[in-house]
């Protein structure tokens, strides 16, 4: 949980300094994505990614959006694959998202 506090504190610091570049915001979004793979309850921090994406859309930097989404996917995909291998579910605690019909599904 200290990582979440750190991310929000640094995010607030960037807002107070009126930083217009999207790169530092995107970095903290990637940290939030990593935190969500460590503890799923921190996944709301990933909502911070909306702000740098809006900045990039305003500047019409679509290539950078694709790069940042690729990095975020690169962080999340190994975690999601691990969930399927270990439990049989895409998002482990939520058995309603049973996208893969495997023999080793954990009972709901």
PDB file of N, CA and C in Angstrom:
ATOM      1  N   UNK A   1       0.824  -1.192   0.000  1.00  0.00           N
ATOM      2  CA  UNK A   1       0.000   0.000   0.000  1.00  0.00           C
ATOM      3  C   UNK A   1       0.876   1.267   0.000  1.00  0.00           C
ATOM      4  N   UNK A   2       2.101   1.124   0.467  1.00  0.00           N
ATOM      5  CA  UNK A   2       2.993   2.288   0.418  1.00  0.00           C
ATOM      6  C   UNK A   2       3.292   2.714  -1.014  1.00  0.00           C
ATOM      7  N   UNK A   3       3.322   1.751  -1.919  1.00  0.00           N
ATOM      8  CA  UNK A   3       3.551   2.084  -3.321  1.00  0.00           C
ATOM      9  C   UNK A   3       2.408   2.936  -3.873  1.00  0.00           C
ATOM     10  N   UNK A   4       1.192   2.615  -3.483  1.00  0.00           N
ATOM     11  CA  UNK A   4       0.031   3.399  -3.930  1.00  0.00           C
ATOM     12  C   UNK A   4       0.113   4.821  -3.384  1.00  0.00           C
ATOM     13  N   UNK A   5       0.480   4.959  -2.116  1.00  0.00           N
ATOM     14  CA  UNK A   5       0.627   6.287  -1.523  1.00  0.00           C
ATOM     15  C   UNK A   5       1.731   7.066  -2.231  1.00  0.00           C
ATOM     16  N   UNK A   6       2.822   6.382  -2.548  1.00  0.00           N
ATOM     17  CA  UNK A   6       3.931   7.026  -3.253  1.00  0.00           C
ATOM     18  C   UNK A   6       3.477   7.505  -4.632  1.00  0.00           C
ATOM     19  N   UNK A   7       2.757   6.666  -5.360  1.00  0.00           N
ATOM     20  CA  UNK A   7       2.293   7.037  -6.704  1.00  0.00           C
ATOM     21  C   UNK A   7       1.383   8.254  -6.639  1.00  0.00           C
ATOM     22  N   UNK A   8       0.441   8.247  -5.719  1.00  0.00           N
ATOM     23  CA  UNK A   8      -0.473   9.381  -5.612  1.00  0.00           C
ATOM     24  C   UNK A   8       0.243  10.647  -5.144  1.00  0.00           C
ATOM     25  N   UNK A   9       1.225  10.510  -4.266  1.00  0.00           N
ATOM     26  CA  UNK A   9       1.974  11.682  -3.819  1.00  0.00           C
ATOM     27  C   UNK A   9       2.786  12.290  -4.958  1.00  0.00           C
ATOM     28  N   UNK A  10       3.449  11.453  -5.731  1.00  0.00           N
ATOM     29  CA  UNK A  10       4.219  11.955  -6.866  1.00  0.00           C
ATOM     30  C   UNK A  10       3.307  12.542  -7.938  1.00  0.00           C
ATOM     31  N   UNK A  11       2.155  11.918  -8.147  1.00  0.00           N
ATOM     32  CA  UNK A  11       1.180  12.431  -9.110  1.00  0.00           C
ATOM     33  C   UNK A  11       0.718  13.824  -8.684  1.00  0.00           C
ATOM     34  N   UNK A  12       0.428  13.978  -7.390  1.00  0.00           N
ATOM     35  CA  UNK A  12       0.008  15.281  -6.863  1.00  0.00           C
ATOM     36  C   UNK A  12       1.112  16.318  -7.021  1.00  0.00           C
ATOM     37  N   UNK A  13       2.344  15.905  -6.807  1.00  0.00           N
ATOM     38  CA  UNK A  13       3.476  16.815  -6.963  1.00  0.00           C
ATOM     39  C   UNK A  13       3.588  17.297  -8.412  1.00  0.00           C
ATOM     40  N   UNK A  14       3.381  16.409  -9.358  1.00  0.00           N
ATOM     41  CA  UNK A  14       3.415  16.803 -10.774  1.00  0.00           C
ATOM     42  C   UNK A  14       2.298  17.791 -11.098  1.00  0.00           C
ATOM     43  N   UNK A  15       1.126  17.553 -10.522  1.00  0.00           N
ATOM     44  CA  UNK A  15       0.001  18.465 -10.764  1.00  0.00           C
ATOM     45  C   UNK A  15       0.253  19.837 -10.153  1.00  0.00           C
ATOM     46  N   UNK A  16       0.869  19.879  -8.966  1.00  0.00           N
ATOM     47  CA  UNK A  16       1.163  21.152  -8.322  1.00  0.00           C
ATOM     48  C   UNK A  16       2.211  21.948  -9.090  1.00  0.00           C
ATOM     49  N   UNK A  17       3.143  21.251  -9.721  1.00  0.00           N
ATOM     50  CA  UNK A  17       4.185  21.926 -10.496  1.00  0.00           C
ATOM     51  C   UNK A  17       3.714  22.271 -11.910  1.00  0.00           C
ATOM     52  N   UNK A  18       2.479  21.883 -12.247  1.00  0.00           N
ATOM     53  CA  UNK A  18       1.886  22.154 -13.560  1.00  0.00           C
ATOM     54  C   UNK A  18       2.738  21.577 -14.693  1.00  0.00           C
ATOM     55  N   UNK A  19       3.151  20.335 -14.522  1.00  0.00           N
ATOM     56  CA  UNK A  19       3.934  19.646 -15.547  1.00  0.00           C
ATOM     57  C   UNK A  19       3.007  19.296 -16.706  1.00  0.00           C
ATOM     58  N   UNK A  20       3.344  19.733 -17.899  1.00  0.00           N
ATOM     59  CA  UNK A  20       2.498  19.506 -19.068  1.00  0.00           C
ATOM     60  C   UNK A  20       2.916  18.276 -19.866  1.00  0.00           C
ATOM     61  N   UNK A  21       4.121  17.782 -19.668  1.00  0.00           N
ATOM     62  CA  UNK A  21       4.593  16.599 -20.379  1.00  0.00           C
ATOM     63  C   UNK A  21       3.838  15.373 -19.877  1.00  0.00           C
ATOM     64  N   UNK A  22       3.526  14.481 -20.778  1.00  0.00           N
ATOM     65  CA  UNK A  22       2.790  13.287 -20.372  1.00  0.00           C
ATOM     66  C   UNK A  22       3.707  12.153 -19.925  1.00  0.00           C
ATOM     67  N   UNK A  23       4.991  12.261 -20.158  1.00  0.00           N
ATOM     68  CA  UNK A  23       5.917  11.180 -19.839  1.00  0.00           C
ATOM     69  C   UNK A  23       5.987  10.856 -18.345  1.00  0.00           C
ATOM     70  N   UNK A  24       6.118  11.853 -17.435  1.00  0.00           N
ATOM     71  CA  UNK A  24       6.154  11.464 -16.015  1.00  0.00           C
ATOM     72  C   UNK A  24       4.834  10.858 -15.537  1.00  0.00           C
ATOM     73  N   UNK A  25       3.718  11.374 -16.057  1.00  0.00           N
ATOM     74  CA  UNK A  25       2.425  10.807 -15.686  1.00  0.00           C
ATOM     75  C   UNK A  25       2.317   9.367 -16.163  1.00  0.00           C
ATOM     76  N   UNK A  26       2.777   9.118 -17.385  1.00  0.00           N
ATOM     77  CA  UNK A  26       2.721   7.762 -17.937  1.00  0.00           C
ATOM     78  C   UNK A  26       3.592   6.806 -17.130  1.00  0.00           C
ATOM     79  N   UNK A  27       4.739   7.285 -16.647  1.00  0.00           N
ATOM     80  CA  UNK A  27       5.609   6.445 -15.826  1.00  0.00           C
ATOM     81  C   UNK A  27       4.887   6.007 -14.553  1.00  0.00           C
ATOM     82  N   UNK A  28       4.207   6.933 -13.898  1.00  0.00           N
ATOM     83  CA  UNK A  28       3.487   6.575 -12.675  1.00  0.00           C
ATOM     84  C   UNK A  28       2.286   5.696 -12.974  1.00  0.00           C
ATOM     85  N   UNK A  29       1.722   5.814 -14.163  1.00  0.00           N
ATOM     86  CA  UNK A  29       0.644   4.904 -14.562  1.00  0.00           C
ATOM     87  C   UNK A  29       1.179   3.487 -14.715  1.00  0.00           C
ATOM     88  N   UNK A  30       2.380   3.363 -15.265  1.00  0.00           N
ATOM     89  CA  UNK A  30       2.989   2.036 -15.402  1.00  0.00           C
ATOM     90  C   UNK A  30       3.295   1.446 -14.024  1.00  0.00           C
ATOM     91  N   UNK A  31       3.703   2.294 -13.090  1.00  0.00           N
ATOM     92  CA  UNK A  31       3.926   1.811 -11.722  1.00  0.00           C
ATOM     93  C   UNK A  31       2.611   1.339 -11.107  1.00  0.00           C
ATOM     94  N   UNK A  32       1.522   2.060 -11.388  1.00  0.00           N
ATOM     95  CA  UNK A  32       0.213   1.654 -10.876  1.00  0.00           C
ATOM     96  C   UNK A  32      -0.221   0.330 -11.492  1.00  0.00           C
ATOM     97  N   UNK A  33       0.088   0.120 -12.762  1.00  0.00           N
ATOM     98  CA  UNK A  33      -0.240  -1.140 -13.420  1.00  0.00           C
ATOM     99  C   UNK A  33       0.537  -2.286 -12.780  1.00  0.00           C
ATOM    100  N   UNK A  34       1.808  -2.046 -12.500  1.00  0.00           N
ATOM    101  CA  UNK A  34       2.601  -3.077 -11.836  1.00  0.00           C
ATOM    102  C   UNK A  34       2.053  -3.356 -10.433  1.00  0.00           C
ATOM    103  N   UNK A  35       1.655  -2.306  -9.722  1.00  0.00           N
ATOM    104  CA  UNK A  35       1.094  -2.492  -8.380  1.00  0.00           C
ATOM    105  C   UNK A  35      -0.183  -3.329  -8.442  1.00  0.00           C
ATOM    106  N   UNK A  36      -0.966  -3.160  -9.506  1.00  0.00           N
ATOM    107  CA  UNK A  36      -2.198  -3.946  -9.653  1.00  0.00           C
ATOM    108  C   UNK A  36      -1.880  -5.418  -9.879  1.00  0.00           C
ATOM    109  N   UNK A  37      -0.750  -5.728 -10.502  1.00  0.00           N
ATOM    110  CA  UNK A  37      -0.391  -7.135 -10.673  1.00  0.00           C
ATOM    111  C   UNK A  37       0.129  -7.746  -9.378  1.00  0.00           C
ATOM    112  N   UNK A  38       0.623  -6.911  -8.478  1.00  0.00           N
ATOM    113  CA  UNK A  38       1.093  -7.406  -7.189  1.00  0.00           C
ATOM    114  C   UNK A  38      -0.081  -7.605  -6.238  1.00  0.00           C
ATOM    115  N   UNK A  39      -0.972  -6.635  -6.191  1.00  0.00           N
ATOM    116  CA  UNK A  39      -2.153  -6.718  -5.320  1.00  0.00           C
ATOM    117  C   UNK A  39      -3.336  -6.145  -6.086  1.00  0.00           C
ATOM    118  N   UNK A  40      -4.325  -6.972  -6.339  1.00  0.00           N
ATOM    119  CA  UNK A  40      -5.434  -6.603  -7.211  1.00  0.00           C
ATOM    120  C   UNK A  40      -6.269  -5.447  -6.652  1.00  0.00           C
ATOM    121  N   UNK A  41      -6.248  -5.242  -5.347  1.00  0.00           N
ATOM    122  CA  UNK A  41      -7.044  -4.153  -4.766  1.00  0.00           C
ATOM    123  C   UNK A  41      -6.496  -2.771  -5.136  1.00  0.00           C
ATOM    124  N   UNK A  42      -5.293  -2.707  -5.673  1.00  0.00           N
ATOM    125  CA  UNK A  42      -4.732  -1.422  -6.087  1.00  0.00           C
ATOM    126  C   UNK A  42      -5.044  -1.098  -7.544  1.00  0.00           C
ATOM    127  N   UNK A  43      -5.896  -1.884  -8.172  1.00  0.00           N
ATOM    128  CA  UNK A  43      -6.195  -1.722  -9.594  1.00  0.00           C
ATOM    129  C   UNK A  43      -6.882  -0.393  -9.918  1.00  0.00           C
ATOM    130  N   UNK A  44      -7.484   0.242  -8.939  1.00  0.00           N
ATOM    131  CA  UNK A  44      -8.109   1.538  -9.213  1.00  0.00           C
ATOM    132  C   UNK A  44      -7.074   2.606  -9.567  1.00  0.00           C
ATOM    133  N   UNK A  45      -5.841   2.399  -9.165  1.00  0.00           N
ATOM    134  CA  UNK A  45      -4.778   3.327  -9.522  1.00  0.00           C
ATOM    135  C   UNK A  45      -4.510   3.350 -11.015  1.00  0.00           C
ATOM    136  N   UNK A  46      -4.899   2.292 -11.716  1.00  0.00           N
ATOM    137  CA  UNK A  46      -4.711   2.236 -13.163  1.00  0.00           C
ATOM    138  C   UNK A  46      -5.610   3.259 -13.851  1.00  0.00           C
ATOM    139  N   UNK A  47      -6.656   3.690 -13.171  1.00  0.00           N
ATOM    140  CA  UNK A  47      -7.525   4.723 -13.743  1.00  0.00           C
ATOM    141  C   UNK A  47      -6.783   6.037 -13.965  1.00  0.00           C
ATOM    142  N   UNK A  48      -5.646   6.189 -13.310  1.00  0.00           N
ATOM    143  CA  UNK A  48      -4.838   7.385 -13.526  1.00  0.00           C
ATOM    144  C   UNK A  48      -4.353   7.477 -14.968  1.00  0.00           C
ATOM    145  N   UNK A  49      -4.348   6.372 -15.669  1.00  0.00           N
ATOM    146  CA  UNK A  49      -3.852   6.351 -17.051  1.00  0.00           C
ATOM    147  C   UNK A  49      -4.733   7.161 -17.987  1.00  0.00           C
ATOM    148  N   UNK A  50      -5.911   7.506 -17.566  1.00  0.00           N
ATOM    149  CA  UNK A  50      -6.807   8.295 -18.421  1.00  0.00           C
ATOM    150  C   UNK A  50      -6.212   9.675 -18.695  1.00  0.00           C
ATOM    151  N   UNK A  51      -5.588  10.271 -17.716  1.00  0.00           N
ATOM    152  CA  UNK A  51      -5.055  11.629 -17.879  1.00  0.00           C
ATOM    153  C   UNK A  51      -3.950  11.731 -18.935  1.00  0.00           C
ATOM    154  N   UNK A  52      -2.888  10.903 -18.884  1.00  0.00           N
ATOM    155  CA  UNK A  52      -1.877  11.038 -19.937  1.00  0.00           C
ATOM    156  C   UNK A  52      -2.409  10.663 -21.319  1.00  0.00           C
ATOM    157  N   UNK A  53      -3.354   9.732 -21.370  1.00  0.00           N
ATOM    158  CA  UNK A  53      -3.942   9.391 -22.668  1.00  0.00           C
ATOM    159  C   UNK A  53      -4.715  10.573 -23.221  1.00  0.00           C
ATOM    160  N   UNK A  54      -5.429  11.304 -22.358  1.00  0.00           N
ATOM    161  CA  UNK A  54      -6.146  12.502 -22.824  1.00  0.00           C
ATOM    162  C   UNK A  54      -5.161  13.554 -23.329  1.00  0.00           C
ATOM    163  N   UNK A  55      -4.034  13.728 -22.636  1.00  0.00           N
ATOM    164  CA  UNK A  55      -3.016  14.676 -23.103  1.00  0.00           C
ATOM    165  C   UNK A  55      -2.477  14.282 -24.469  1.00  0.00           C
ATOM    166  N   UNK A  56      -2.240  12.994 -24.665  1.00  0.00           N
ATOM    167  CA  UNK A  56      -1.711  12.540 -25.949  1.00  0.00           C
ATOM    168  C   UNK A  56      -2.747  12.644 -27.068  1.00  0.00           C
ATOM    169  N   UNK A  57      -4.010  12.440 -26.736  1.00  0.00           N
ATOM    170  CA  UNK A  57      -5.063  12.580 -27.750  1.00  0.00           C
ATOM    171  C   UNK A  57      -5.197  14.037 -28.180  1.00  0.00           C
ATOM    172  N   UNK A  58      -5.105  14.960 -27.216  1.00  0.00           N
ATOM    173  CA  UNK A  58      -5.174  16.384 -27.558  1.00  0.00           C
ATOM    174  C   UNK A  58      -4.047  16.792 -28.492  1.00  0.00           C
ATOM    175  N   UNK A  59      -2.869  16.202 -28.299  1.00  0.00           N
ATOM    176  CA  UNK A  59      -1.714  16.526 -29.139  1.00  0.00           C
ATOM    177  C   UNK A  59      -1.635  15.642 -30.384  1.00  0.00           C
ATOM    178  N   UNK A  60      -2.574  14.740 -30.529  1.00  0.00           N
ATOM    179  CA  UNK A  60      -2.647  13.806 -31.662  1.00  0.00           C
ATOM    180  C   UNK A  60      -1.370  12.981 -31.796  1.00  0.00           C
ATOM    181  N   UNK A  61      -0.933  12.437 -30.677  1.00  0.00           N
ATOM    182  CA  UNK A  61       0.258  11.586 -30.632  1.00  0.00           C
ATOM    183  C   UNK A  61      -0.175  10.123 -30.503  1.00  0.00           C
ATOM    184  N   UNK A  62      -0.784   9.615 -31.550  1.00  0.00           N
ATOM    185  CA  UNK A  62      -1.377   8.282 -31.498  1.00  0.00           C
ATOM    186  C   UNK A  62      -0.322   7.181 -31.406  1.00  0.00           C
ATOM    187  N   UNK A  63       0.835   7.416 -31.985  1.00  0.00           N
ATOM    188  CA  UNK A  63       1.906   6.425 -31.904  1.00  0.00           C
ATOM    189  C   UNK A  63       2.363   6.245 -30.456  1.00  0.00           C
ATOM    190  N   UNK A  64       2.455   7.338 -29.717  1.00  0.00           N
ATOM    191  CA  UNK A  64       2.860   7.253 -28.307  1.00  0.00           C
ATOM    192  C   UNK A  64       1.796   6.544 -27.475  1.00  0.00           C
ATOM    193  N   UNK A  65       0.522   6.741 -27.820  1.00  0.00           N
ATOM    194  CA  UNK A  65      -0.551   6.039 -27.106  1.00  0.00           C
ATOM    195  C   UNK A  65      -0.372   4.532 -27.278  1.00  0.00           C
ATOM    196  N   UNK A  66      -0.109   4.110 -28.505  1.00  0.00           N
ATOM    197  CA  UNK A  66       0.076   2.688 -28.779  1.00  0.00           C
ATOM    198  C   UNK A  66       1.291   2.142 -28.029  1.00  0.00           C
ATOM    199  N   UNK A  67       2.357   2.932 -27.966  1.00  0.00           N
ATOM    200  CA  UNK A  67       3.552   2.498 -27.239  1.00  0.00           C
ATOM    201  C   UNK A  67       3.250   2.344 -25.755  1.00  0.00           C
ATOM    202  N   UNK A  68       2.572   3.315 -25.166  1.00  0.00           N
ATOM    203  CA  UNK A  68       2.261   3.242 -23.733  1.00  0.00           C
ATOM    204  C   UNK A  68       1.286   2.107 -23.428  1.00  0.00           C
ATOM    205  N   UNK A  69       0.311   1.891 -24.290  1.00  0.00           N
ATOM    206  CA  UNK A  69      -0.601   0.766 -24.079  1.00  0.00           C
ATOM    207  C   UNK A  69       0.136  -0.561 -24.236  1.00  0.00           C
ATOM    208  N   UNK A  70       1.108  -0.602 -25.142  1.00  0.00           N
ATOM    209  CA  UNK A  70       1.919  -1.814 -25.302  1.00  0.00           C
ATOM    210  C   UNK A  70       2.748  -2.115 -24.069  1.00  0.00           C
ATOM    211  N   UNK A  71       3.323  -1.082 -23.484  1.00  0.00           N
ATOM    212  CA  UNK A  71       4.111  -1.274 -22.254  1.00  0.00           C
ATOM    213  C   UNK A  71       3.196  -1.743 -21.119  1.00  0.00           C
ATOM    214  N   UNK A  72       2.022  -1.129 -21.011  1.00  0.00           N
ATOM    215  CA  UNK A  72       1.064  -1.559 -19.985  1.00  0.00           C
ATOM    216  C   UNK A  72       0.626  -2.999 -20.191  1.00  0.00           C
ATOM    217  N   UNK A  73       0.392  -3.368 -21.440  1.00  0.00           N
ATOM    218  CA  UNK A  73       0.046  -4.753 -21.741  1.00  0.00           C
ATOM    219  C   UNK A  73       1.200  -5.695 -21.447  1.00  0.00           C
ATOM    220  N   UNK A  74       2.421  -5.236 -21.724  1.00  0.00           N
ATOM    221  CA  UNK A  74       3.602  -6.048 -21.419  1.00  0.00           C
ATOM    222  C   UNK A  74       3.766  -6.292 -19.933  1.00  0.00           C
ATOM    223  N   UNK A  75       3.260  -5.378 -19.129  1.00  0.00           N
ATOM    224  CA  UNK A  75       3.303  -5.564 -17.680  1.00  0.00           C
ATOM    225  C   UNK A  75       2.206  -6.525 -17.230  1.00  0.00           C
ATOM    226  N   UNK A  76       1.014  -6.397 -17.815  1.00  0.00           N
ATOM    227  CA  UNK A  76      -0.141  -7.167 -17.347  1.00  0.00           C
ATOM    228  C   UNK A  76      -0.220  -8.579 -17.921  1.00  0.00           C
ATOM    229  N   UNK A  77       0.234  -8.782 -19.143  1.00  0.00           N
ATOM    230  CA  UNK A  77       0.045 -10.084 -19.793  1.00  0.00           C
ATOM    231  C   UNK A  77       0.732 -11.236 -19.055  1.00  0.00           C
ATOM    232  N   UNK A  78       1.969 -11.113 -18.587  1.00  0.00           N
ATOM    233  CA  UNK A  78       2.552 -12.238 -17.835  1.00  0.00           C
ATOM    234  C   UNK A  78       1.757 -12.583 -16.581  1.00  0.00           C
ATOM    235  N   UNK A  79       1.217 -11.589 -15.918  1.00  0.00           N
ATOM    236  CA  UNK A  79       0.413 -11.815 -14.722  1.00  0.00           C
ATOM    237  C   UNK A  79      -0.883 -12.543 -15.074  1.00  0.00           C
ATOM    238  N   UNK A  80      -1.522 -12.148 -16.168  1.00  0.00           N
ATOM    239  CA  UNK A  80      -2.756 -12.793 -16.582  1.00  0.00           C
ATOM    240  C   UNK A  80      -2.501 -14.234 -17.026  1.00  0.00           C
ATOM    241  N   UNK A  81      -1.397 -14.473 -17.710  1.00  0.00           N
ATOM    242  CA  UNK A  81      -1.039 -15.837 -18.112  1.00  0.00           C
ATOM    243  C   UNK A  81      -0.791 -16.694 -16.880  1.00  0.00           C
ATOM    244  N   UNK A  82      -0.117 -16.122 -15.897  1.00  0.00           N
ATOM    245  CA  UNK A  82       0.134 -16.857 -14.648  1.00  0.00           C
ATOM    246  C   UNK A  82      -1.172 -17.218 -13.958  1.00  0.00           C
ATOM    247  N   UNK A  83      -2.147 -16.296 -13.975  1.00  0.00           N
ATOM    248  CA  UNK A  83      -3.452 -16.590 -13.380  1.00  0.00           C
ATOM    249  C   UNK A  83      -4.112 -17.773 -14.049  1.00  0.00           C
ATOM    250  N   UNK A  84      -4.059 -17.822 -15.369  1.00  0.00           N
ATOM    251  CA  UNK A  84      -4.687 -18.934 -16.092  1.00  0.00           C
ATOM    252  C   UNK A  84      -3.967 -20.236 -15.792  1.00  0.00           C
ATOM    253  N   UNK A  85      -2.649 -20.215 -15.729  1.00  0.00           N
ATOM    254  CA  UNK A  85      -1.889 -21.440 -15.461  1.00  0.00           C
ATOM    255  C   UNK A  85      -2.148 -21.947 -14.044  1.00  0.00           C
ATOM    256  N   UNK A  86      -2.196 -21.050 -13.078  1.00  0.00           N
ATOM    257  CA  UNK A  86      -2.344 -21.472 -11.685  1.00  0.00           C
ATOM    258  C   UNK A  86      -3.788 -21.851 -11.347  1.00  0.00           C
ATOM    259  N   UNK A  87      -4.753 -20.992 -11.727  1.00  0.00           N
ATOM    260  CA  UNK A  87      -6.125 -21.215 -11.267  1.00  0.00           C
ATOM    261  C   UNK A  87      -7.096 -21.626 -12.369  1.00  0.00           C
ATOM    262  N   UNK A  88      -6.755 -21.342 -13.629  1.00  0.00           N
ATOM    263  CA  UNK A  88      -7.684 -21.623 -14.715  1.00  0.00           C
ATOM    264  C   UNK A  88      -8.576 -20.445 -15.048  1.00  0.00           C
ATOM    265  N   UNK A  89      -8.524 -19.395 -14.243  1.00  0.00           N
ATOM    266  CA  UNK A  89      -9.344 -18.201 -14.465  1.00  0.00           C
ATOM    267  C   UNK A  89      -8.460 -17.038 -14.918  1.00  0.00           C
ATOM    268  N   UNK A  90      -9.048 -16.157 -15.730  1.00  0.00           N
ATOM    269  CA  UNK A  90      -8.337 -14.997 -16.242  1.00  0.00           C
ATOM    270  C   UNK A  90      -7.960 -14.057 -15.104  1.00  0.00           C
ATOM    271  N   UNK A  91      -8.930 -13.684 -14.294  1.00  0.00           N
ATOM    272  CA  UNK A  91      -8.704 -12.915 -13.060  1.00  0.00           C
ATOM    273  C   UNK A  91      -9.088 -13.834 -11.916  1.00  0.00           C
ATOM    274  N   UNK A  92      -8.121 -14.300 -11.165  1.00  0.00           N
ATOM    275  CA  UNK A  92      -8.327 -15.405 -10.232  1.00  0.00           C
ATOM    276  C   UNK A  92      -9.501 -15.262  -9.275  1.00  0.00           C
ATOM    277  N   UNK A  93      -9.636 -14.215  -8.492  1.00  0.00           N
ATOM    278  CA  UNK A  93     -10.727 -14.272  -7.515  1.00  0.00           C
ATOM    279  C   UNK A  93     -12.110 -14.217  -8.159  1.00  0.00           C
ATOM    280  N   UNK A  94     -12.214 -13.837  -9.415  1.00  0.00           N
ATOM    281  CA  UNK A  94     -13.506 -13.665 -10.071  1.00  0.00           C
ATOM    282  C   UNK A  94     -13.755 -14.827 -11.017  1.00  0.00           C
ATOM    283  N   UNK A  95     -14.535 -15.786 -10.552  1.00  0.00           N
ATOM    284  CA  UNK A  95     -14.800 -16.972 -11.363  1.00  0.00           C
ATOM    285  C   UNK A  95     -15.820 -16.700 -12.466  1.00  0.00           C
ATOM    286  N   UNK A  96     -16.476 -15.550 -12.459  1.00  0.00           N
ATOM    287  CA  UNK A  96     -17.442 -15.225 -13.504  1.00  0.00           C
ATOM    288  C   UNK A  96     -16.759 -15.002 -14.853  1.00  0.00           C
ATOM    289  N   UNK A  97     -15.498 -14.611 -14.843  1.00  0.00           N
ATOM    290  CA  UNK A  97     -14.744 -14.412 -16.073  1.00  0.00           C
ATOM    291  C   UNK A  97     -14.025 -15.698 -16.465  1.00  0.00           C
ATOM    292  N   UNK A  98     -14.786 -16.753 -16.698  1.00  0.00           N
ATOM    293  CA  UNK A  98     -14.209 -18.039 -17.062  1.00  0.00           C
ATOM    294  C   UNK A  98     -14.067 -18.095 -18.583  1.00  0.00           C
ATOM    295  N   UNK A  99     -12.976 -17.506 -19.096  1.00  0.00           N
ATOM    296  CA  UNK A  99     -12.762 -17.432 -20.537  1.00  0.00           C
ATOM    297  C   UNK A  99     -12.100 -18.680 -21.090  1.00  0.00           C
ATOM    298  N   UNK A 100     -11.441 -19.440 -20.250  1.00  0.00           N
ATOM    299  CA  UNK A 100     -10.700 -20.602 -20.688  1.00  0.00           C
ATOM    300  C   UNK A 100     -11.307 -21.849 -20.058  1.00  0.00           C
ATOM    301  N   UNK A 101     -11.705 -22.782 -20.884  1.00  0.00           N
ATOM    302  CA  UNK A 101     -12.291 -24.032 -20.399  1.00  0.00           C
ATOM    303  C   UNK A 101     -11.165 -25.053 -20.227  1.00  0.00           C
ATOM    304  N   UNK A 102     -10.530 -25.008 -19.072  1.00  0.00           N
ATOM    305  CA  UNK A 102      -9.412 -25.921 -18.795  1.00  0.00           C
ATOM    306  C   UNK A 102      -9.815 -26.900 -17.701  1.00  0.00           C
ATOM    307  N   UNK A 103      -9.100 -27.995 -17.623  1.00  0.00           N
ATOM    308  CA  UNK A 103      -9.437 -29.042 -16.660  1.00  0.00           C
ATOM    309  C   UNK A 103      -9.097 -28.679 -15.224  1.00  0.00           C
ATOM    310  N   UNK A 104      -8.173 -27.747 -15.044  1.00  0.00           N
ATOM    311  CA  UNK A 104      -7.687 -27.463 -13.689  1.00  0.00           C
ATOM    312  C   UNK A 104      -8.343 -26.226 -13.053  1.00  0.00           C
ATOM    313  N   UNK A 105      -9.535 -25.833 -13.527  1.00  0.00           N
ATOM    314  CA  UNK A 105     -10.225 -24.700 -12.896  1.00  0.00           C
ATOM    315  C   UNK A 105     -10.426 -24.942 -11.412  1.00  0.00           C
ATOM    316  N   UNK A 106     -10.149 -23.952 -10.629  1.00  0.00           N
ATOM    317  CA  UNK A 106     -10.406 -24.042  -9.197  1.00  0.00           C
ATOM    318  C   UNK A 106     -11.903 -23.923  -8.976  1.00  0.00           C
ATOM    319  N   UNK A 107     -12.439 -24.563  -7.964  1.00  0.00           N
ATOM    320  CA  UNK A 107     -13.879 -24.421  -7.722  1.00  0.00           C
ATOM    321  C   UNK A 107     -14.211 -22.989  -7.286  1.00  0.00           C
ATOM    322  N   UNK A 108     -15.340 -22.464  -7.777  1.00  0.00           N
ATOM    323  CA  UNK A 108     -15.703 -21.081  -7.429  1.00  0.00           C
ATOM    324  C   UNK A 108     -15.964 -20.930  -5.958  1.00  0.00           C
TER     325      UNK A 108
END
